[in-house]
Amino acid sequence: MRRDHQPIENGSDTTDYTFHFQISNGRGRQACSVKVQALNIQDATMFFRQNWATIELMARDGMAGGCRDNGRIKLIAP
């Protein structure tokens, strides 16, 4: 899993952290990413881990609904 972070331009104290992962489906693997806003990487990681079941379900729903972004699924979590 790869993690990227970029500061938000509006000057708030939170930062966007992007977690990249893959979900397997019947034909192969699907690249996914979820963006989490948090004060630091530890909070973002904790949110990602605690909400993994929901994130996975949303990613699988996205795969079932068809991908529009070159086969990638992007989720944004507050």
Protein backbone atom coordinates (compact mmCIF):
# COMPACT_ATOMS: atom_id res chain seq x y z
CA MET A 1 0.00 0.00 0.00
CA ARG A 2 1.36 3.41 -0.97
CA ARG A 3 0.57 6.63 0.90
CA ASP A 4 0.84 10.12 -0.58
CA HIS A 5 0.10 13.39 1.14
CA GLN A 6 -0.39 16.89 -0.14
CA PRO A 7 -1.25 19.99 1.87
CA ILE A 8 -4.71 21.45 1.36
CA GLU A 9 -4.52 24.89 -0.23
CA ASN A 10 -7.06 26.59 2.04
CA GLY A 11 -4.62 26.82 4.96
CA SER A 12 -6.54 24.59 7.37
CA ASP A 13 -4.75 22.27 9.78
CA THR A 14 -5.76 19.08 7.95
CA THR A 15 -3.93 17.38 5.11
CA ASP A 16 -5.15 15.03 2.40
CA TYR A 17 -3.61 11.57 2.63
CA THR A 18 -4.17 9.15 -0.25
CA PHE A 19 -4.01 5.40 0.32
CA HIS A 20 -3.57 3.22 -2.78
CA PHE A 21 -4.60 -0.43 -2.72
CA GLN A 22 -5.82 -3.21 -4.99
CA ILE A 23 -9.00 -5.27 -4.85
CA SER A 24 -9.15 -8.66 -6.55
CA ASN A 25 -12.12 -9.52 -8.70
CA GLY A 26 -13.00 -12.53 -10.83
CA ARG A 27 -10.80 -11.43 -13.72
CA GLY A 28 -7.83 -9.88 -11.95
CA ARG A 29 -7.00 -6.95 -9.71
CA GLN A 30 -8.43 -3.45 -9.60
CA ALA A 31 -6.40 -0.39 -8.57
CA CYS A 32 -8.18 1.78 -6.00
CA SER A 33 -7.38 4.80 -3.91
CA VAL A 34 -9.05 6.51 -1.00
CA LYS A 35 -8.32 10.07 0.09
CA VAL A 36 -8.60 10.86 3.82
CA GLN A 37 -8.40 14.30 5.44
CA ALA A 38 -6.64 14.20 8.80
CA LEU A 39 -4.35 16.19 11.05
CA ASN A 40 -1.46 13.73 10.59
CA ILE A 41 -0.55 10.42 8.97
CA GLN A 42 -1.26 8.46 12.16
CA ASP A 43 -4.86 9.72 12.31
CA ALA A 44 -5.33 9.06 8.59
CA THR A 45 -3.95 5.52 8.92
CA MET A 46 -6.17 4.81 11.94
CA PHE A 47 -9.24 6.05 10.03
CA PHE A 48 -8.32 3.89 7.03
CA ARG A 49 -7.85 0.76 9.13
CA GLN A 50 -10.96 1.28 11.27
CA ASN A 51 -13.12 1.84 8.19
CA TRP A 52 -11.56 -0.79 5.94
CA ALA A 53 -14.75 -2.89 5.73
CA THR A 54 -16.75 0.12 4.49
CA ILE A 55 -13.95 1.23 2.14
CA GLU A 56 -13.72 -2.26 0.63
CA LEU A 57 -17.50 -2.45 0.18
CA MET A 58 -17.56 0.95 -1.55
CA ALA A 59 -14.68 -0.10 -3.82
CA ARG A 60 -16.44 -3.34 -4.75
CA ASP A 61 -19.68 -1.43 -5.43
CA GLY A 62 -17.67 0.88 -7.68
CA MET A 63 -16.24 -2.11 -9.57
CA ALA A 64 -19.74 -3.54 -10.03
CA GLY A 65 -21.00 -0.20 -11.33
CA GLY A 66 -18.22 0.11 -13.90
CA CYS A 67 -15.11 2.24 -13.79
CA ARG A 68 -14.94 5.59 -15.54
CA ASP A 69 -11.41 6.79 -14.72
CA ASN A 70 -9.19 4.50 -16.80
CA GLY A 71 -10.20 1.53 -14.65
CA ARG A 72 -9.40 3.25 -11.36
CA ILE A 73 -11.77 3.67 -8.45
CA LYS A 74 -11.37 6.78 -6.29
CA LEU A 75 -13.06 7.25 -2.94
CA ILE A 76 -12.96 10.36 -0.78
CA ALA A 77 -13.47 10.04 2.98
CA PRO A 78 -13.85 13.04 5.33
